[in-house]
Amino acid sequence: MDFLLEQFEAGKILYKDDKYMSPCCNSGWEKLEKYYSLTDRSPVYIAALVLCPQSKWDYINDNWPIEWVPDVKQKMLNFWLSSYKSTATEVLIPALKDSKPTNTFQQWQQKKEKRVDIDEYQRYILSPVLQAVTDPRAWWLEPTQRKTYPALSIMALDILSIPAMSAEPERQFSGAKITITDRRNKLGIASIQAIECLKSWMSTTSTPYVDENTSS
């Protein structure tokens, strides 16, 4: 969305004297700005950026106004805590001193200093940014991530699987009208859902789906 807004803003300047392109650029910018302003109503947009391992908080820190950052970080944390957080994971931290304890107090102290409780989200944020990752969903689907971040990986896949636009879901919804004909008006919800899923999956293969009612 940031990219598209920048393109419209550049177009507004480039075509400011063009009687055809100028209104188009202004209308496109206004429509996108409307939806951009609605992203603040939900933490999902923030989470979608943060749960990309190639950026995490870097993109927001580098490109968003600094006064926005504390608020969005709190929203992301609240979203994680309220909807997905599992039990805390115990993580080993190297001892600060190499010397061996000489008494029971030092043994107790060293034992306490070696461990801290840190949950999956904090561990993910503290880990290095992986700029080589090009497909965040594929990364979260890897067994290593599913094991390391069992709850956070579910959150990431839930959010990153949301379509960027509603065009395809709306297309599938409209396609159900073709499926439910007069002779099929007793189809149940589960059957309709299965048929529409199969039609969608088959349309992505090399052999296109042809409905029997529309074939010649």
C-alpha atoms as a PDB file:
ATOM      1  CA  MET A   1       0.000   0.000   0.000  1.00  0.00           C
ATOM      2  CA  ASP A   2       2.893   2.342   0.736  1.00  0.00           C
ATOM      3  CA  PHE A   3       4.310   1.578  -2.712  1.00  0.00           C
ATOM      4  CA  LEU A   4       0.991   2.280  -4.445  1.00  0.00           C
ATOM      5  CA  LEU A   5       0.516   5.529  -2.558  1.00  0.00           C
ATOM      6  CA  GLU A   6       3.958   6.678  -3.650  1.00  0.00           C
ATOM      7  CA  GLN A   7       3.114   5.860  -7.269  1.00  0.00           C
ATOM      8  CA  PHE A   8      -0.094   7.885  -7.092  1.00  0.00           C
ATOM      9  CA  GLU A   9       1.690  10.788  -5.414  1.00  0.00           C
ATOM     10  CA  ALA A  10       4.343  10.767  -8.138  1.00  0.00           C
ATOM     11  CA  GLY A  11       1.604  10.552 -10.776  1.00  0.00           C
ATOM     12  CA  LYS A  12      -0.217  13.546  -9.304  1.00  0.00           C
ATOM     13  CA  ILE A  13       2.923  15.631  -9.807  1.00  0.00           C
ATOM     14  CA  LEU A  14       3.877  14.182 -13.177  1.00  0.00           C
ATOM     15  CA  TYR A  15       0.414  14.552 -14.719  1.00  0.00           C
ATOM     16  CA  LYS A  16      -0.821  17.644 -12.878  1.00  0.00           C
ATOM     17  CA  ASP A  17      -1.446  19.452 -16.177  1.00  0.00           C
ATOM     18  CA  ASP A  18      -2.926  16.465 -17.999  1.00  0.00           C
ATOM     19  CA  LYS A  19      -6.710  16.802 -18.115  1.00  0.00           C
ATOM     20  CA  TYR A  20      -7.174  13.033 -18.433  1.00  0.00           C
ATOM     21  CA  MET A  21      -4.473  11.509 -16.202  1.00  0.00           C
ATOM     22  CA  SER A  22      -4.594  14.096 -13.428  1.00  0.00           C
ATOM     23  CA  PRO A  23      -8.190  13.271 -12.320  1.00  0.00           C
ATOM     24  CA  CYS A  24      -7.376   9.552 -12.526  1.00  0.00           C
ATOM     25  CA  CYS A  25      -4.318   9.877 -10.294  1.00  0.00           C
ATOM     26  CA  ASN A  26      -6.211  12.033  -7.796  1.00  0.00           C
ATOM     27  CA  SER A  27      -9.160   9.641  -7.668  1.00  0.00           C
ATOM     28  CA  GLY A  28      -6.888   6.626  -7.240  1.00  0.00           C
ATOM     29  CA  TRP A  29      -4.951   8.334  -4.466  1.00  0.00           C
ATOM     30  CA  GLU A  30      -8.149   9.307  -2.618  1.00  0.00           C
ATOM     31  CA  LYS A  31      -9.555   5.786  -2.808  1.00  0.00           C
ATOM     32  CA  LEU A  32      -6.330   4.166  -1.592  1.00  0.00           C
ATOM     33  CA  GLU A  33      -5.912   6.753   1.164  1.00  0.00           C
ATOM     34  CA  LYS A  34      -9.406   5.882   2.378  1.00  0.00           C
ATOM     35  CA  TYR A  35      -8.504   2.218   2.810  1.00  0.00           C
ATOM     36  CA  TYR A  36      -5.035   3.014   4.148  1.00  0.00           C
ATOM     37  CA  SER A  37      -6.567   5.043   6.961  1.00  0.00           C
ATOM     38  CA  LEU A  38      -8.760   2.060   7.891  1.00  0.00           C
ATOM     39  CA  THR A  39      -5.734  -0.152   8.621  1.00  0.00           C
ATOM     40  CA  ASP A  40      -5.481   1.531  12.020  1.00  0.00           C
ATOM     41  CA  ARG A  41      -8.741  -0.132  13.065  1.00  0.00           C
ATOM     42  CA  SER A  42      -7.096  -3.548  13.289  1.00  0.00           C
ATOM     43  CA  PRO A  43      -3.619  -4.814  14.302  1.00  0.00           C
ATOM     44  CA  VAL A  44      -3.674  -7.350  11.457  1.00  0.00           C
ATOM     45  CA  TYR A  45      -1.974  -4.995   8.974  1.00  0.00           C
ATOM     46  CA  ILE A  46       0.812  -4.322  11.498  1.00  0.00           C
ATOM     47  CA  ALA A  47       1.196  -8.031  12.230  1.00  0.00           C
ATOM     48  CA  ALA A  48       1.441  -8.828   8.519  1.00  0.00           C
ATOM     49  CA  LEU A  49       4.488  -6.548   8.277  1.00  0.00           C
ATOM     50  CA  VAL A  50       6.126  -7.680  11.518  1.00  0.00           C
ATOM     51  CA  LEU A  51       5.695 -11.395  10.824  1.00  0.00           C
ATOM     52  CA  CYS A  52       7.703 -11.132   7.607  1.00  0.00           C
ATOM     53  CA  PRO A  53      11.130 -12.398   8.766  1.00  0.00           C
ATOM     54  CA  GLN A  54      12.905 -10.258   6.167  1.00  0.00           C
ATOM     55  CA  SER A  55      11.696  -7.037   7.789  1.00  0.00           C
ATOM     56  CA  LYS A  56      10.128  -7.546  11.263  1.00  0.00           C
ATOM     57  CA  TRP A  57      10.030  -4.057  12.836  1.00  0.00           C
ATOM     58  CA  ASP A  58      12.715  -2.604  10.538  1.00  0.00           C
ATOM     59  CA  TYR A  59      10.305  -1.436   7.835  1.00  0.00           C
ATOM     60  CA  ILE A  60       7.998   0.320  10.291  1.00  0.00           C
ATOM     61  CA  ASN A  61      10.901   1.854  12.238  1.00  0.00           C
ATOM     62  CA  ASP A  62      12.510   3.160   9.048  1.00  0.00           C
ATOM     63  CA  ASN A  63       9.451   4.377   7.128  1.00  0.00           C
ATOM     64  CA  TRP A  64       6.640   5.273   9.516  1.00  0.00           C
ATOM     65  CA  PRO A  65       6.488   8.506  11.543  1.00  0.00           C
ATOM     66  CA  ILE A  66       8.336   7.929  14.800  1.00  0.00           C
ATOM     67  CA  GLU A  67       5.334   9.025  16.883  1.00  0.00           C
ATOM     68  CA  TRP A  68       3.289   6.129  15.477  1.00  0.00           C
ATOM     69  CA  VAL A  69       5.742   3.393  16.459  1.00  0.00           C
ATOM     70  CA  PRO A  70       5.115   3.011  20.246  1.00  0.00           C
ATOM     71  CA  ASP A  71       1.366   2.725  19.689  1.00  0.00           C
ATOM     72  CA  VAL A  72       1.589   0.122  16.905  1.00  0.00           C
ATOM     73  CA  LYS A  73       4.120  -1.930  18.877  1.00  0.00           C
ATOM     74  CA  GLN A  74       1.710  -2.048  21.796  1.00  0.00           C
ATOM     75  CA  LYS A  75      -1.152  -3.047  19.485  1.00  0.00           C
ATOM     76  CA  MET A  76       0.934  -5.875  18.048  1.00  0.00           C
ATOM     77  CA  LEU A  77       1.892  -7.095  21.517  1.00  0.00           C
ATOM     78  CA  ASN A  78      -1.708  -6.973  22.738  1.00  0.00           C
ATOM     79  CA  PHE A  79      -2.846  -8.886  19.643  1.00  0.00           C
ATOM     80  CA  TRP A  80      -0.271 -11.605  20.309  1.00  0.00           C
ATOM     81  CA  LEU A  81      -1.044 -11.824  24.032  1.00  0.00           C
ATOM     82  CA  SER A  82      -4.812 -11.867  23.653  1.00  0.00           C
ATOM     83  CA  SER A  83      -5.183 -14.182  20.666  1.00  0.00           C
ATOM     84  CA  TYR A  84      -2.174 -16.447  20.153  1.00  0.00           C
ATOM     85  CA  LYS A  85       0.333 -16.466  23.006  1.00  0.00           C
ATOM     86  CA  SER A  86       1.187 -19.849  24.448  1.00  0.00           C
ATOM     87  CA  THR A  87       3.174 -20.631  27.566  1.00  0.00           C
ATOM     88  CA  ALA A  88       6.555 -18.960  27.963  1.00  0.00           C
ATOM     89  CA  THR A  89       9.625 -20.814  26.749  1.00  0.00           C
ATOM     90  CA  GLU A  90      12.755 -21.071  28.827  1.00  0.00           C
ATOM     91  CA  VAL A  91      15.804 -19.911  26.885  1.00  0.00           C
ATOM     92  CA  LEU A  92      19.424 -20.467  27.869  1.00  0.00           C
ATOM     93  CA  ILE A  93      21.668 -17.398  28.149  1.00  0.00           C
ATOM     94  CA  PRO A  94      25.470 -17.828  28.465  1.00  0.00           C
ATOM     95  CA  ALA A  95      26.921 -17.166  31.898  1.00  0.00           C
ATOM     96  CA  LEU A  96      28.559 -13.774  32.305  1.00  0.00           C
ATOM     97  CA  LYS A  97      31.545 -15.227  34.119  1.00  0.00           C
ATOM     98  CA  ASP A  98      33.721 -18.192  33.172  1.00  0.00           C
ATOM     99  CA  SER A  99      34.954 -18.801  36.713  1.00  0.00           C
ATOM    100  CA  LYS A 100      33.466 -21.703  38.589  1.00  0.00           C
ATOM    101  CA  PRO A 101      31.411 -20.946  41.699  1.00  0.00           C
ATOM    102  CA  THR A 102      33.332 -21.360  44.939  1.00  0.00           C
ATOM    103  CA  ASN A 103      30.396 -21.574  47.319  1.00  0.00           C
ATOM    104  CA  THR A 104      26.707 -22.439  47.400  1.00  0.00           C
ATOM    105  CA  PHE A 105      25.643 -18.799  47.093  1.00  0.00           C
ATOM    106  CA  GLN A 106      27.622 -18.348  43.878  1.00  0.00           C
ATOM    107  CA  GLN A 107      26.192 -21.621  42.551  1.00  0.00           C
ATOM    108  CA  TRP A 108      22.682 -20.361  43.235  1.00  0.00           C
ATOM    109  CA  GLN A 109      23.463 -16.960  41.726  1.00  0.00           C
ATOM    110  CA  GLN A 110      24.977 -18.424  38.555  1.00  0.00           C
ATOM    111  CA  LYS A 111      22.021 -20.760  38.103  1.00  0.00           C
ATOM    112  CA  LYS A 112      19.600 -17.828  38.267  1.00  0.00           C
ATOM    113  CA  GLU A 113      21.634 -15.701  35.855  1.00  0.00           C
ATOM    114  CA  LYS A 114      21.750 -18.389  33.182  1.00  0.00           C
ATOM    115  CA  ARG A 115      18.048 -18.517  32.473  1.00  0.00           C
ATOM    116  CA  VAL A 116      15.321 -16.034  31.624  1.00  0.00           C
ATOM    117  CA  ASP A 117      11.739 -16.559  30.537  1.00  0.00           C
ATOM    118  CA  ILE A 118      11.033 -15.255  27.059  1.00  0.00           C
ATOM    119  CA  ASP A 119       8.023 -16.040  24.911  1.00  0.00           C
ATOM    120  CA  GLU A 120       7.916 -16.922  21.217  1.00  0.00           C
ATOM    121  CA  TYR A 121       7.129 -13.435  19.961  1.00  0.00           C
ATOM    122  CA  GLN A 122       9.977 -11.833  21.915  1.00  0.00           C
ATOM    123  CA  ARG A 123      12.375 -14.552  20.775  1.00  0.00           C
ATOM    124  CA  TYR A 124      11.343 -14.005  17.159  1.00  0.00           C
ATOM    125  CA  ILE A 125      11.828 -10.236  17.395  1.00  0.00           C
ATOM    126  CA  LEU A 126      15.254 -10.610  19.047  1.00  0.00           C
ATOM    127  CA  SER A 127      16.488 -13.020  16.371  1.00  0.00           C
ATOM    128  CA  PRO A 128      18.306 -11.607  13.299  1.00  0.00           C
ATOM    129  CA  VAL A 129      16.355 -10.258  10.326  1.00  0.00           C
ATOM    130  CA  LEU A 130      16.498 -12.743   7.426  1.00  0.00           C
ATOM    131  CA  GLN A 131      16.732 -10.595   4.311  1.00  0.00           C
ATOM    132  CA  ALA A 132      17.202 -13.651   2.082  1.00  0.00           C
ATOM    133  CA  VAL A 133      13.627 -14.819   2.737  1.00  0.00           C
ATOM    134  CA  THR A 134      11.381 -14.067  -0.252  1.00  0.00           C
ATOM    135  CA  ASP A 135       8.285 -16.076   0.717  1.00  0.00           C
ATOM    136  CA  PRO A 136       7.302 -15.536   4.380  1.00  0.00           C
ATOM    137  CA  ARG A 137       4.566 -18.174   4.272  1.00  0.00           C
ATOM    138  CA  ALA A 138       6.963 -20.836   2.998  1.00  0.00           C
ATOM    139  CA  TRP A 139       9.400 -19.882   5.769  1.00  0.00           C
ATOM    140  CA  TRP A 140       6.746 -20.201   8.476  1.00  0.00           C
ATOM    141  CA  LEU A 141       5.669 -23.566   7.046  1.00  0.00           C
ATOM    142  CA  GLU A 142       9.138 -25.045   7.495  1.00  0.00           C
ATOM    143  CA  PRO A 143       9.305 -27.690  10.279  1.00  0.00           C
ATOM    144  CA  THR A 144      12.021 -25.700  12.066  1.00  0.00           C
ATOM    145  CA  GLN A 145       9.785 -22.640  12.453  1.00  0.00           C
ATOM    146  CA  ARG A 146       6.725 -24.729  13.344  1.00  0.00           C
ATOM    147  CA  LYS A 147       8.728 -26.346  16.133  1.00  0.00           C
ATOM    148  CA  THR A 148      10.555 -23.225  17.303  1.00  0.00           C
ATOM    149  CA  TYR A 149       7.486 -20.968  17.209  1.00  0.00           C
ATOM    150  CA  PRO A 150       4.465 -23.310  17.563  1.00  0.00           C
ATOM    151  CA  ALA A 151       1.959 -20.569  18.428  1.00  0.00           C
ATOM    152  CA  LEU A 152       3.560 -17.689  16.530  1.00  0.00           C
ATOM    153  CA  SER A 153       3.744 -19.755  13.332  1.00  0.00           C
ATOM    154  CA  ILE A 154      -0.020 -20.311  13.538  1.00  0.00           C
ATOM    155  CA  MET A 155      -0.536 -16.574  13.960  1.00  0.00           C
ATOM    156  CA  ALA A 156       1.757 -15.818  11.017  1.00  0.00           C
ATOM    157  CA  LEU A 157       0.068 -18.296   8.676  1.00  0.00           C
ATOM    158  CA  ASP A 158      -3.406 -17.098   9.694  1.00  0.00           C
ATOM    159  CA  ILE A 159      -2.507 -13.507   8.881  1.00  0.00           C
ATOM    160  CA  LEU A 160      -0.231 -13.956   5.871  1.00  0.00           C
ATOM    161  CA  SER A 161      -2.840 -16.181   4.191  1.00  0.00           C
ATOM    162  CA  ILE A 162      -5.396 -13.350   4.096  1.00  0.00           C
ATOM    163  CA  PRO A 163      -5.792 -12.231   0.448  1.00  0.00           C
ATOM    164  CA  ALA A 164      -4.503  -8.732  -0.227  1.00  0.00           C
ATOM    165  CA  MET A 165      -7.676  -8.049  -2.222  1.00  0.00           C
ATOM    166  CA  SER A 166     -11.177  -9.491  -2.056  1.00  0.00           C
ATOM    167  CA  ALA A 167     -11.474  -9.947  -5.834  1.00  0.00           C
ATOM    168  CA  GLU A 168     -10.795 -13.698  -5.836  1.00  0.00           C
ATOM    169  CA  PRO A 169     -13.135 -14.536  -2.894  1.00  0.00           C
ATOM    170  CA  GLU A 170     -15.859 -12.429  -4.512  1.00  0.00           C
ATOM    171  CA  ARG A 171     -15.269 -14.222  -7.811  1.00  0.00           C
ATOM    172  CA  GLN A 172     -15.702 -17.580  -6.071  1.00  0.00           C
ATOM    173  CA  PHE A 173     -18.839 -16.326  -4.348  1.00  0.00           C
ATOM    174  CA  SER A 174     -20.297 -15.258  -7.701  1.00  0.00           C
ATOM    175  CA  GLY A 175     -19.339 -18.619  -9.176  1.00  0.00           C
ATOM    176  CA  ALA A 176     -21.645 -20.353  -6.705  1.00  0.00           C
ATOM    177  CA  LYS A 177     -24.585 -18.898  -8.651  1.00  0.00           C
ATOM    178  CA  ILE A 178     -23.533 -21.035 -11.613  1.00  0.00           C
ATOM    179  CA  THR A 179     -23.241 -24.107  -9.377  1.00  0.00           C
ATOM    180  CA  ILE A 180     -26.636 -23.763  -7.713  1.00  0.00           C
ATOM    181  CA  THR A 181     -29.011 -24.256 -10.614  1.00  0.00           C
ATOM    182  CA  ASP A 182     -32.709 -25.180 -10.468  1.00  0.00           C
ATOM    183  CA  ARG A 183     -31.725 -28.842 -10.499  1.00  0.00           C
ATOM    184  CA  ARG A 184     -29.187 -28.377  -7.738  1.00  0.00           C
ATOM    185  CA  ASN A 185     -31.129 -26.141  -5.365  1.00  0.00           C
ATOM    186  CA  LYS A 186     -31.018 -28.730  -2.578  1.00  0.00           C
ATOM    187  CA  LEU A 187     -27.231 -28.712  -2.284  1.00  0.00           C
ATOM    188  CA  GLY A 188     -26.050 -28.320   1.296  1.00  0.00           C
ATOM    189  CA  ILE A 189     -23.560 -25.742   2.548  1.00  0.00           C
ATOM    190  CA  ALA A 190     -20.731 -28.286   2.884  1.00  0.00           C
ATOM    191  CA  SER A 191     -21.283 -29.589  -0.648  1.00  0.00           C
ATOM    192  CA  ILE A 192     -21.319 -26.082  -2.143  1.00  0.00           C
ATOM    193  CA  GLN A 193     -18.155 -25.179  -0.269  1.00  0.00           C
ATOM    194  CA  ALA A 194     -16.391 -28.349  -1.479  1.00  0.00           C
ATOM    195  CA  ILE A 195     -17.477 -27.775  -5.093  1.00  0.00           C
ATOM    196  CA  GLU A 196     -16.315 -24.160  -5.118  1.00  0.00           C
ATOM    197  CA  CYS A 197     -12.964 -25.116  -3.572  1.00  0.00           C
ATOM    198  CA  LEU A 198     -12.449 -27.804  -6.213  1.00  0.00           C
ATOM    199  CA  LYS A 199     -13.347 -25.374  -9.003  1.00  0.00           C
ATOM    200  CA  SER A 200     -10.856 -22.849  -7.636  1.00  0.00           C
ATOM    201  CA  TRP A 201      -8.081 -25.423  -7.305  1.00  0.00           C
ATOM    202  CA  MET A 202      -8.724 -26.867 -10.748  1.00  0.00           C
ATOM    203  CA  SER A 203      -8.574 -23.416 -12.325  1.00  0.00           C
ATOM    204  CA  THR A 204      -4.940 -23.122 -11.218  1.00  0.00           C
ATOM    205  CA  THR A 205      -3.929 -26.317 -13.022  1.00  0.00           C
ATOM    206  CA  SER A 206      -3.096 -26.710 -16.694  1.00  0.00           C
ATOM    207  CA  THR A 207      -6.525 -28.159 -17.459  1.00  0.00           C
ATOM    208  CA  PRO A 208      -9.200 -25.460 -17.121  1.00  0.00           C
ATOM    209  CA  TYR A 209     -12.517 -26.216 -15.401  1.00  0.00           C
ATOM    210  CA  VAL A 210     -15.569 -26.171 -17.681  1.00  0.00           C
ATOM    211  CA  ASP A 211     -19.015 -26.100 -16.120  1.00  0.00           C
ATOM    212  CA  GLU A 212     -21.460 -28.475 -17.780  1.00  0.00           C
ATOM    213  CA  ASN A 213     -24.100 -25.727 -17.991  1.00  0.00           C
ATOM    214  CA  THR A 214     -21.839 -23.365 -19.928  1.00  0.00           C
ATOM    215  CA  SER A 215     -20.098 -25.821 -22.210  1.00  0.00           C
ATOM    216  CA  SER A 216     -21.147 -25.923 -25.848  1.00  0.00           C
END
